Amino acid sequence: MAIEQYQIGIHTDTKIVKISEESVTIERDGKQSVLAADTVISSIGYIFENSLAQQLKDCGAQVETLGDCDHVSNLMGAIWKAFESASKI
């Protein structure tokens, strides 16, 4: 599977504290860690909420919103947009 092949880290129940050009600072259980990263994919909840995406866009970051955060659609629409976005990375 590509996740293991490319050593992609998955962090659940984790808060993003800061994103820079070379890293992402995360917090879990009150402890912060800095991870080297050139790409960050964040999947947050089931309720429409795109304030983080807007803040990142305002900072000049490349941001892709998917699913209902982007526009209301069906599951196939969300999967297709995710595929298109991942293909650009």
PDB file of N, CA and C in Angstrom:
ATOM      1  N   MET A   1       0.838  -1.181   0.000  1.00  0.00           N
ATOM      2  CA  MET A   1       0.000   0.000   0.000  1.00  0.00           C
ATOM      3  C   MET A   1       0.884   1.247   0.000  1.00  0.00           C
ATOM      4  N   ALA A   2       0.440   2.285  -0.667  1.00  0.00           N
ATOM      5  CA  ALA A   2       1.236   3.500  -0.841  1.00  0.00           C
ATOM      6  C   ALA A   2       1.556   4.193   0.482  1.00  0.00           C
ATOM      7  N   ILE A   3       0.658   4.099   1.454  1.00  0.00           N
ATOM      8  CA  ILE A   3       0.905   4.764   2.736  1.00  0.00           C
ATOM      9  C   ILE A   3       2.170   4.216   3.379  1.00  0.00           C
ATOM     10  N   GLU A   4       2.318   2.907   3.389  1.00  0.00           N
ATOM     11  CA  GLU A   4       3.523   2.306   3.954  1.00  0.00           C
ATOM     12  C   GLU A   4       4.727   2.529   3.036  1.00  0.00           C
ATOM     13  N   GLN A   5       4.511   2.380   1.744  1.00  0.00           N
ATOM     14  CA  GLN A   5       5.607   2.509   0.777  1.00  0.00           C
ATOM     15  C   GLN A   5       6.266   3.877   0.866  1.00  0.00           C
ATOM     16  N   TYR A   6       5.469   4.918   0.984  1.00  0.00           N
ATOM     17  CA  TYR A   6       6.001   6.274   1.028  1.00  0.00           C
ATOM     18  C   TYR A   6       6.156   6.798   2.447  1.00  0.00           C
ATOM     19  N   GLN A   7       5.944   5.938   3.446  1.00  0.00           N
ATOM     20  CA  GLN A   7       6.092   6.287   4.856  1.00  0.00           C
ATOM     21  C   GLN A   7       5.295   7.541   5.227  1.00  0.00           C
ATOM     22  N   ILE A   8       4.018   7.524   4.872  1.00  0.00           N
ATOM     23  CA  ILE A   8       3.119   8.633   5.167  1.00  0.00           C
ATOM     24  C   ILE A   8       2.617   8.485   6.597  1.00  0.00           C
ATOM     25  N   GLY A   9       2.819   9.508   7.407  1.00  0.00           N
ATOM     26  CA  GLY A   9       2.380   9.474   8.796  1.00  0.00           C
ATOM     27  C   GLY A   9       0.898   9.805   8.908  1.00  0.00           C
ATOM     28  N   ILE A  10       0.202   9.059   9.744  1.00  0.00           N
ATOM     29  CA  ILE A  10      -1.210   9.319  10.021  1.00  0.00           C
ATOM     30  C   ILE A  10      -1.330   9.597  11.508  1.00  0.00           C
ATOM     31  N   HIS A  11      -1.897  10.739  11.860  1.00  0.00           N
ATOM     32  CA  HIS A  11      -2.022  11.147  13.256  1.00  0.00           C
ATOM     33  C   HIS A  11      -3.485  11.465  13.537  1.00  0.00           C
ATOM     34  N   THR A  12      -4.141  10.614  14.327  1.00  0.00           N
ATOM     35  CA  THR A  12      -5.536  10.828  14.670  1.00  0.00           C
ATOM     36  C   THR A  12      -5.637  11.530  16.021  1.00  0.00           C
ATOM     37  N   ASP A  13      -6.805  12.142  16.273  1.00  0.00           N
ATOM     38  CA  ASP A  13      -7.033  12.870  17.529  1.00  0.00           C
ATOM     39  C   ASP A  13      -5.904  13.851  17.812  1.00  0.00           C
ATOM     40  N   THR A  14      -5.488  14.566  16.776  1.00  0.00           N
ATOM     41  CA  THR A  14      -4.333  15.457  16.850  1.00  0.00           C
ATOM     42  C   THR A  14      -4.716  16.845  16.350  1.00  0.00           C
ATOM     43  N   LYS A  15      -4.235  17.851  17.031  1.00  0.00           N
ATOM     44  CA  LYS A  15      -4.498  19.240  16.656  1.00  0.00           C
ATOM     45  C   LYS A  15      -3.286  19.799  15.911  1.00  0.00           C
ATOM     46  N   ILE A  16      -3.529  20.484  14.797  1.00  0.00           N
ATOM     47  CA  ILE A  16      -2.453  21.176  14.088  1.00  0.00           C
ATOM     48  C   ILE A  16      -2.254  22.524  14.766  1.00  0.00           C
ATOM     49  N   VAL A  17      -1.038  22.774  15.234  1.00  0.00           N
ATOM     50  CA  VAL A  17      -0.728  24.017  15.932  1.00  0.00           C
ATOM     51  C   VAL A  17      -0.120  25.036  14.972  1.00  0.00           C
ATOM     52  N   LYS A  18       0.781  24.556  14.094  1.00  0.00           N
ATOM     53  CA  LYS A  18       1.489  25.469  13.188  1.00  0.00           C
ATOM     54  C   LYS A  18       1.963  24.694  11.971  1.00  0.00           C
ATOM     55  N   ILE A  19       1.895  25.342  10.819  1.00  0.00           N
ATOM     56  CA  ILE A  19       2.433  24.760   9.586  1.00  0.00           C
ATOM     57  C   ILE A  19       3.450  25.748   9.021  1.00  0.00           C
ATOM     58  N   SER A  20       4.651  25.251   8.720  1.00  0.00           N
ATOM     59  CA  SER A  20       5.671  26.082   8.075  1.00  0.00           C
ATOM     60  C   SER A  20       6.052  25.423   6.757  1.00  0.00           C
ATOM     61  N   GLU A  21       7.001  25.989   6.055  1.00  0.00           N
ATOM     62  CA  GLU A  21       7.408  25.430   4.768  1.00  0.00           C
ATOM     63  C   GLU A  21       8.086  24.078   4.907  1.00  0.00           C
ATOM     64  N   GLU A  22       8.713  23.799   6.042  1.00  0.00           N
ATOM     65  CA  GLU A  22       9.446  22.547   6.215  1.00  0.00           C
ATOM     66  C   GLU A  22       8.828  21.597   7.232  1.00  0.00           C
ATOM     67  N   SER A  23       7.833  22.053   8.011  1.00  0.00           N
ATOM     68  CA  SER A  23       7.349  21.200   9.092  1.00  0.00           C
ATOM     69  C   SER A  23       5.906  21.542   9.479  1.00  0.00           C
ATOM     70  N   VAL A  24       5.365  20.668  10.311  1.00  0.00           N
ATOM     71  CA  VAL A  24       4.058  20.911  10.917  1.00  0.00           C
ATOM     72  C   VAL A  24       4.212  20.625  12.414  1.00  0.00           C
ATOM     73  N   THR A  25       3.679  21.525  13.237  1.00  0.00           N
ATOM     74  CA  THR A  25       3.679  21.318  14.680  1.00  0.00           C
ATOM     75  C   THR A  25       2.313  20.796  15.066  1.00  0.00           C
ATOM     76  N   ILE A  26       2.295  19.655  15.761  1.00  0.00           N
ATOM     77  CA  ILE A  26       1.037  19.044  16.163  1.00  0.00           C
ATOM     78  C   ILE A  26       0.986  18.934  17.680  1.00  0.00           C
ATOM     79  N   GLU A  27      -0.242  18.776  18.191  1.00  0.00           N
ATOM     80  CA  GLU A  27      -0.431  18.590  19.626  1.00  0.00           C
ATOM     81  C   GLU A  27      -1.382  17.430  19.852  1.00  0.00           C
ATOM     82  N   ARG A  28      -0.974  16.537  20.729  1.00  0.00           N
ATOM     83  CA  ARG A  28      -1.812  15.402  21.107  1.00  0.00           C
ATOM     84  C   ARG A  28      -1.623  15.137  22.587  1.00  0.00           C
ATOM     85  N   ASP A  29      -2.714  15.024  23.293  1.00  0.00           N
ATOM     86  CA  ASP A  29      -2.683  14.782  24.740  1.00  0.00           C
ATOM     87  C   ASP A  29      -1.837  15.824  25.463  1.00  0.00           C
ATOM     88  N   GLY A  30      -1.907  17.080  24.997  1.00  0.00           N
ATOM     89  CA  GLY A  30      -1.186  18.176  25.645  1.00  0.00           C
ATOM     90  C   GLY A  30       0.289  18.261  25.322  1.00  0.00           C
ATOM     91  N   LYS A  31       0.800  17.360  24.482  1.00  0.00           N
ATOM     92  CA  LYS A  31       2.218  17.369  24.124  1.00  0.00           C
ATOM     93  C   LYS A  31       2.382  17.766  22.666  1.00  0.00           C
ATOM     94  N   GLN A  32       3.293  18.708  22.412  1.00  0.00           N
ATOM     95  CA  GLN A  32       3.547  19.164  21.049  1.00  0.00           C
ATOM     96  C   GLN A  32       4.736  18.436  20.443  1.00  0.00           C
ATOM     97  N   SER A  33       4.649  18.205  19.138  1.00  0.00           N
ATOM     98  CA  SER A  33       5.735  17.588  18.376  1.00  0.00           C
ATOM     99  C   SER A  33       5.872  18.331  17.061  1.00  0.00           C
ATOM    100  N   VAL A  34       7.085  18.421  16.555  1.00  0.00           N
ATOM    101  CA  VAL A  34       7.350  19.032  15.255  1.00  0.00           C
ATOM    102  C   VAL A  34       7.737  17.912  14.301  1.00  0.00           C
ATOM    103  N   LEU A  35       7.020  17.830  13.178  1.00  0.00           N
ATOM    104  CA  LEU A  35       7.270  16.799  12.183  1.00  0.00           C
ATOM    105  C   LEU A  35       7.742  17.442  10.886  1.00  0.00           C
ATOM    106  N   ALA A  36       8.777  16.898  10.283  1.00  0.00           N
ATOM    107  CA  ALA A  36       9.213  17.383   8.972  1.00  0.00           C
ATOM    108  C   ALA A  36       8.118  17.061   7.963  1.00  0.00           C
ATOM    109  N   ALA A  37       7.753  18.049   7.149  1.00  0.00           N
ATOM    110  CA  ALA A  37       6.684  17.832   6.164  1.00  0.00           C
ATOM    111  C   ALA A  37       6.766  18.884   5.077  1.00  0.00           C
ATOM    112  N   ASP A  38       6.536  18.443   3.837  1.00  0.00           N
ATOM    113  CA  ASP A  38       6.399  19.410   2.749  1.00  0.00           C
ATOM    114  C   ASP A  38       4.952  19.465   2.272  1.00  0.00           C
ATOM    115  N   THR A  39       4.133  18.505   2.702  1.00  0.00           N
ATOM    116  CA  THR A  39       2.714  18.471   2.377  1.00  0.00           C
ATOM    117  C   THR A  39       1.947  18.003   3.609  1.00  0.00           C
ATOM    118  N   VAL A  40       0.847  18.687   3.920  1.00  0.00           N
ATOM    119  CA  VAL A  40       0.006  18.306   5.051  1.00  0.00           C
ATOM    120  C   VAL A  40      -1.410  18.119   4.540  1.00  0.00           C
ATOM    121  N   ILE A  41      -2.006  16.970   4.854  1.00  0.00           N
ATOM    122  CA  ILE A  41      -3.402  16.705   4.507  1.00  0.00           C
ATOM    123  C   ILE A  41      -4.160  16.596   5.819  1.00  0.00           C
ATOM    124  N   SER A  42      -5.181  17.426   5.972  1.00  0.00           N
ATOM    125  CA  SER A  42      -5.948  17.445   7.210  1.00  0.00           C
ATOM    126  C   SER A  42      -7.398  17.087   6.918  1.00  0.00           C
ATOM    127  N   SER A  43      -7.919  16.133   7.644  1.00  0.00           N
ATOM    128  CA  SER A  43      -9.305  15.711   7.508  1.00  0.00           C
ATOM    129  C   SER A  43      -9.975  15.921   8.855  1.00  0.00           C
ATOM    130  N   ILE A  44     -10.947  16.841   8.878  1.00  0.00           N
ATOM    131  CA  ILE A  44     -11.502  17.267  10.155  1.00  0.00           C
ATOM    132  C   ILE A  44     -13.017  17.126  10.157  1.00  0.00           C
ATOM    133  N   GLY A  45     -13.531  16.168  10.883  1.00  0.00           N
ATOM    134  CA  GLY A  45     -14.937  16.057  11.217  1.00  0.00           C
ATOM    135  C   GLY A  45     -15.924  15.900  10.087  1.00  0.00           C
ATOM    136  N   TYR A  46     -17.197  15.975  10.475  1.00  0.00           N
ATOM    137  CA  TYR A  46     -18.310  15.774   9.557  1.00  0.00           C
ATOM    138  C   TYR A  46     -19.122  17.044   9.334  1.00  0.00           C
ATOM    139  N   ILE A  47     -18.861  18.078  10.087  1.00  0.00           N
ATOM    140  CA  ILE A  47     -19.647  19.306  10.018  1.00  0.00           C
ATOM    141  C   ILE A  47     -18.874  20.341   9.203  1.00  0.00           C
ATOM    142  N   PHE A  48     -19.585  21.059   8.318  1.00  0.00           N
ATOM    143  CA  PHE A  48     -18.956  22.092   7.487  1.00  0.00           C
ATOM    144  C   PHE A  48     -18.185  23.064   8.371  1.00  0.00           C
ATOM    145  N   GLU A  49     -16.897  23.157   8.129  1.00  0.00           N
ATOM    146  CA  GLU A  49     -16.027  24.061   8.882  1.00  0.00           C
ATOM    147  C   GLU A  49     -14.774  24.289   8.054  1.00  0.00           C
ATOM    148  N   ASN A  50     -14.620  25.483   7.505  1.00  0.00           N
ATOM    149  CA  ASN A  50     -13.449  25.735   6.667  1.00  0.00           C
ATOM    150  C   ASN A  50     -12.635  26.939   7.126  1.00  0.00           C
ATOM    151  N   SER A  51     -12.732  27.311   8.404  1.00  0.00           N
ATOM    152  CA  SER A  51     -11.981  28.471   8.880  1.00  0.00           C
ATOM    153  C   SER A  51     -10.467  28.232   8.805  1.00  0.00           C
ATOM    154  N   LEU A  52     -10.006  27.012   9.075  1.00  0.00           N
ATOM    155  CA  LEU A  52      -8.582  26.714   8.955  1.00  0.00           C
ATOM    156  C   LEU A  52      -8.123  26.881   7.511  1.00  0.00           C
ATOM    157  N   ALA A  53      -8.901  26.380   6.577  1.00  0.00           N
ATOM    158  CA  ALA A  53      -8.553  26.522   5.155  1.00  0.00           C
ATOM    159  C   ALA A  53      -8.464  27.995   4.773  1.00  0.00           C
ATOM    160  N   GLN A  54      -9.393  28.797   5.254  1.00  0.00           N
ATOM    161  CA  GLN A  54      -9.380  30.222   4.931  1.00  0.00           C
ATOM    162  C   GLN A  54      -8.161  30.914   5.540  1.00  0.00           C
ATOM    163  N   GLN A  55      -7.809  30.570   6.775  1.00  0.00           N
ATOM    164  CA  GLN A  55      -6.627  31.156   7.411  1.00  0.00           C
ATOM    165  C   GLN A  55      -5.361  30.796   6.645  1.00  0.00           C
ATOM    166  N   LEU A  56      -5.264  29.544   6.208  1.00  0.00           N
ATOM    167  CA  LEU A  56      -4.080  29.115   5.465  1.00  0.00           C
ATOM    168  C   LEU A  56      -4.003  29.801   4.106  1.00  0.00           C
ATOM    169  N   LYS A  57      -5.142  29.949   3.434  1.00  0.00           N
ATOM    170  CA  LYS A  57      -5.148  30.653   2.148  1.00  0.00           C
ATOM    171  C   LYS A  57      -4.695  32.091   2.337  1.00  0.00           C
ATOM    172  N   ASP A  58      -5.147  32.729   3.424  1.00  0.00           N
ATOM    173  CA  ASP A  58      -4.767  34.114   3.699  1.00  0.00           C
ATOM    174  C   ASP A  58      -3.262  34.249   3.935  1.00  0.00           C
ATOM    175  N   CYS A  59      -2.614  33.159   4.347  1.00  0.00           N
ATOM    176  CA  CYS A  59      -1.164  33.160   4.570  1.00  0.00           C
ATOM    177  C   CYS A  59      -0.396  32.829   3.293  1.00  0.00           C
ATOM    178  N   GLY A  60      -1.100  32.532   2.226  1.00  0.00           N
ATOM    179  CA  GLY A  60      -0.451  32.224   0.956  1.00  0.00           C
ATOM    180  C   GLY A  60      -0.193  30.750   0.721  1.00  0.00           C
ATOM    181  N   ALA A  61      -0.720  29.877   1.570  1.00  0.00           N
ATOM    182  CA  ALA A  61      -0.515  28.433   1.395  1.00  0.00           C
ATOM    183  C   ALA A  61      -1.440  27.893   0.320  1.00  0.00           C
ATOM    184  N   GLN A  62      -1.000  26.830  -0.350  1.00  0.00           N
ATOM    185  CA  GLN A  62      -1.865  26.140  -1.311  1.00  0.00           C
ATOM    186  C   GLN A  62      -2.812  25.263  -0.513  1.00  0.00           C
ATOM    187  N   VAL A  63      -4.109  25.483  -0.662  1.00  0.00           N
ATOM    188  CA  VAL A  63      -5.108  24.767   0.118  1.00  0.00           C
ATOM    189  C   VAL A  63      -6.155  24.181  -0.815  1.00  0.00           C
ATOM    190  N   GLU A  64      -6.496  22.927  -0.602  1.00  0.00           N
ATOM    191  CA  GLU A  64      -7.575  22.261  -1.331  1.00  0.00           C
ATOM    192  C   GLU A  64      -8.633  21.863  -0.316  1.00  0.00           C
ATOM    193  N   THR A  65      -9.871  22.242  -0.540  1.00  0.00           N
ATOM    194  CA  THR A  65     -10.956  21.793   0.327  1.00  0.00           C
ATOM    195  C   THR A  65     -11.735  20.710  -0.401  1.00  0.00           C
ATOM    196  N   LEU A  66     -12.198  19.726   0.355  1.00  0.00           N
ATOM    197  CA  LEU A  66     -12.868  18.563  -0.220  1.00  0.00           C
ATOM    198  C   LEU A  66     -14.184  18.292   0.489  1.00  0.00           C
ATOM    199  N   GLY A  67     -15.012  17.481  -0.132  1.00  0.00           N
ATOM    200  CA  GLY A  67     -16.271  17.065   0.483  1.00  0.00           C
ATOM    201  C   GLY A  67     -17.207  18.231   0.711  1.00  0.00           C
ATOM    202  N   ASP A  68     -18.029  18.136   1.739  1.00  0.00           N
ATOM    203  CA  ASP A  68     -19.004  19.182   2.016  1.00  0.00           C
ATOM    204  C   ASP A  68     -18.352  20.503   2.400  1.00  0.00           C
ATOM    205  N   CYS A  69     -17.093  20.477   2.822  1.00  0.00           N
ATOM    206  CA  CYS A  69     -16.369  21.716   3.122  1.00  0.00           C
ATOM    207  C   CYS A  69     -16.208  22.552   1.855  1.00  0.00           C
ATOM    208  N   ASP A  70     -16.107  21.871   0.716  1.00  0.00           N
ATOM    209  CA  ASP A  70     -15.974  22.537  -0.578  1.00  0.00           C
ATOM    210  C   ASP A  70     -17.351  22.867  -1.141  1.00  0.00           C
ATOM    211  N   HIS A  71     -18.165  21.861  -1.318  1.00  0.00           N
ATOM    212  CA  HIS A  71     -19.563  22.034  -1.737  1.00  0.00           C
ATOM    213  C   HIS A  71     -20.301  20.722  -1.470  1.00  0.00           C
ATOM    214  N   VAL A  72     -21.588  20.832  -1.248  1.00  0.00           N
ATOM    215  CA  VAL A  72     -22.382  19.647  -0.947  1.00  0.00           C
ATOM    216  C   VAL A  72     -22.459  18.773  -2.190  1.00  0.00           C
ATOM    217  N   SER A  73     -22.149  17.504  -2.008  1.00  0.00           N
ATOM    218  CA  SER A  73     -22.131  16.562  -3.106  1.00  0.00           C
ATOM    219  C   SER A  73     -22.399  15.175  -2.538  1.00  0.00           C
ATOM    220  N   ASN A  74     -22.217  14.173  -3.363  1.00  0.00           N
ATOM    221  CA  ASN A  74     -22.324  12.803  -2.859  1.00  0.00           C
ATOM    222  C   ASN A  74     -20.916  12.259  -2.603  1.00  0.00           C
ATOM    223  N   LEU A  75     -20.837  11.048  -2.104  1.00  0.00           N
ATOM    224  CA  LEU A  75     -19.537  10.455  -1.767  1.00  0.00           C
ATOM    225  C   LEU A  75     -18.640  10.338  -2.989  1.00  0.00           C
ATOM    226  N   MET A  76     -19.203   9.976  -4.123  1.00  0.00           N
ATOM    227  CA  MET A  76     -18.393   9.836  -5.336  1.00  0.00           C
ATOM    228  C   MET A  76     -17.757  11.166  -5.727  1.00  0.00           C
ATOM    229  N   GLY A  77     -18.504  12.254  -5.589  1.00  0.00           N
ATOM    230  CA  GLY A  77     -17.956  13.573  -5.889  1.00  0.00           C
ATOM    231  C   GLY A  77     -16.785  13.922  -4.982  1.00  0.00           C
ATOM    232  N   ALA A  78     -16.912  13.585  -3.690  1.00  0.00           N
ATOM    233  CA  ALA A  78     -15.837  13.860  -2.734  1.00  0.00           C
ATOM    234  C   ALA A  78     -14.600  13.017  -3.042  1.00  0.00           C
ATOM    235  N   ILE A  79     -14.824  11.750  -3.373  1.00  0.00           N
ATOM    236  CA  ILE A  79     -13.701  10.865  -3.689  1.00  0.00           C
ATOM    237  C   ILE A  79     -12.986  11.340  -4.950  1.00  0.00           C
ATOM    238  N   TRP A  80     -13.730  11.738  -5.950  1.00  0.00           N
ATOM    239  CA  TRP A  80     -13.117  12.202  -7.203  1.00  0.00           C
ATOM    240  C   TRP A  80     -12.298  13.463  -6.971  1.00  0.00           C
ATOM    241  N   LYS A  81     -12.838  14.410  -6.203  1.00  0.00           N
ATOM    242  CA  LYS A  81     -12.100  15.651  -5.914  1.00  0.00           C
ATOM    243  C   LYS A  81     -10.846  15.334  -5.106  1.00  0.00           C
ATOM    244  N   ALA A  82     -10.928  14.386  -4.164  1.00  0.00           N
ATOM    245  CA  ALA A  82      -9.755  13.988  -3.392  1.00  0.00           C
ATOM    246  C   ALA A  82      -8.692  13.392  -4.307  1.00  0.00           C
ATOM    247  N   PHE A  83      -9.116  12.546  -5.252  1.00  0.00           N
ATOM    248  CA  PHE A  83      -8.181  11.960  -6.207  1.00  0.00           C
ATOM    249  C   PHE A  83      -7.503  13.037  -7.042  1.00  0.00           C
ATOM    250  N   GLU A  84      -8.282  13.976  -7.549  1.00  0.00           N
ATOM    251  CA  GLU A  84      -7.710  15.071  -8.357  1.00  0.00           C
ATOM    252  C   GLU A  84      -6.725  15.899  -7.542  1.00  0.00           C
ATOM    253  N   SER A  85      -7.080  16.212  -6.313  1.00  0.00           N
ATOM    254  CA  SER A  85      -6.196  17.005  -5.454  1.00  0.00           C
ATOM    255  C   SER A  85      -4.917  16.267  -5.136  1.00  0.00           C
ATOM    256  N   ALA A  86      -5.018  14.975  -4.804  1.00  0.00           N
ATOM    257  CA  ALA A  86      -3.825  14.179  -4.488  1.00  0.00           C
ATOM    258  C   ALA A  86      -2.930  14.033  -5.714  1.00  0.00           C
ATOM    259  N   SER A  87      -3.511  13.999  -6.900  1.00  0.00           N
ATOM    260  CA  SER A  87      -2.711  13.867  -8.116  1.00  0.00           C
ATOM    261  C   SER A  87      -1.844  15.095  -8.386  1.00  0.00           C
ATOM    262  N   LYS A  88      -2.221  16.237  -7.808  1.00  0.00           N
ATOM    263  CA  LYS A  88      -1.469  17.478  -8.002  1.00  0.00           C
ATOM    264  C   LYS A  88      -0.250  17.558  -7.097  1.00  0.00           C
ATOM    265  N   ILE A  89      -0.193  16.723  -6.069  1.00  0.00           N
ATOM    266  CA  ILE A  89       0.897  16.818  -5.083  1.00  0.00           C
ATOM    267  C   ILE A  89       2.173  16.227  -5.673  1.00  0.00           C
TER     268      ILE A  89
END
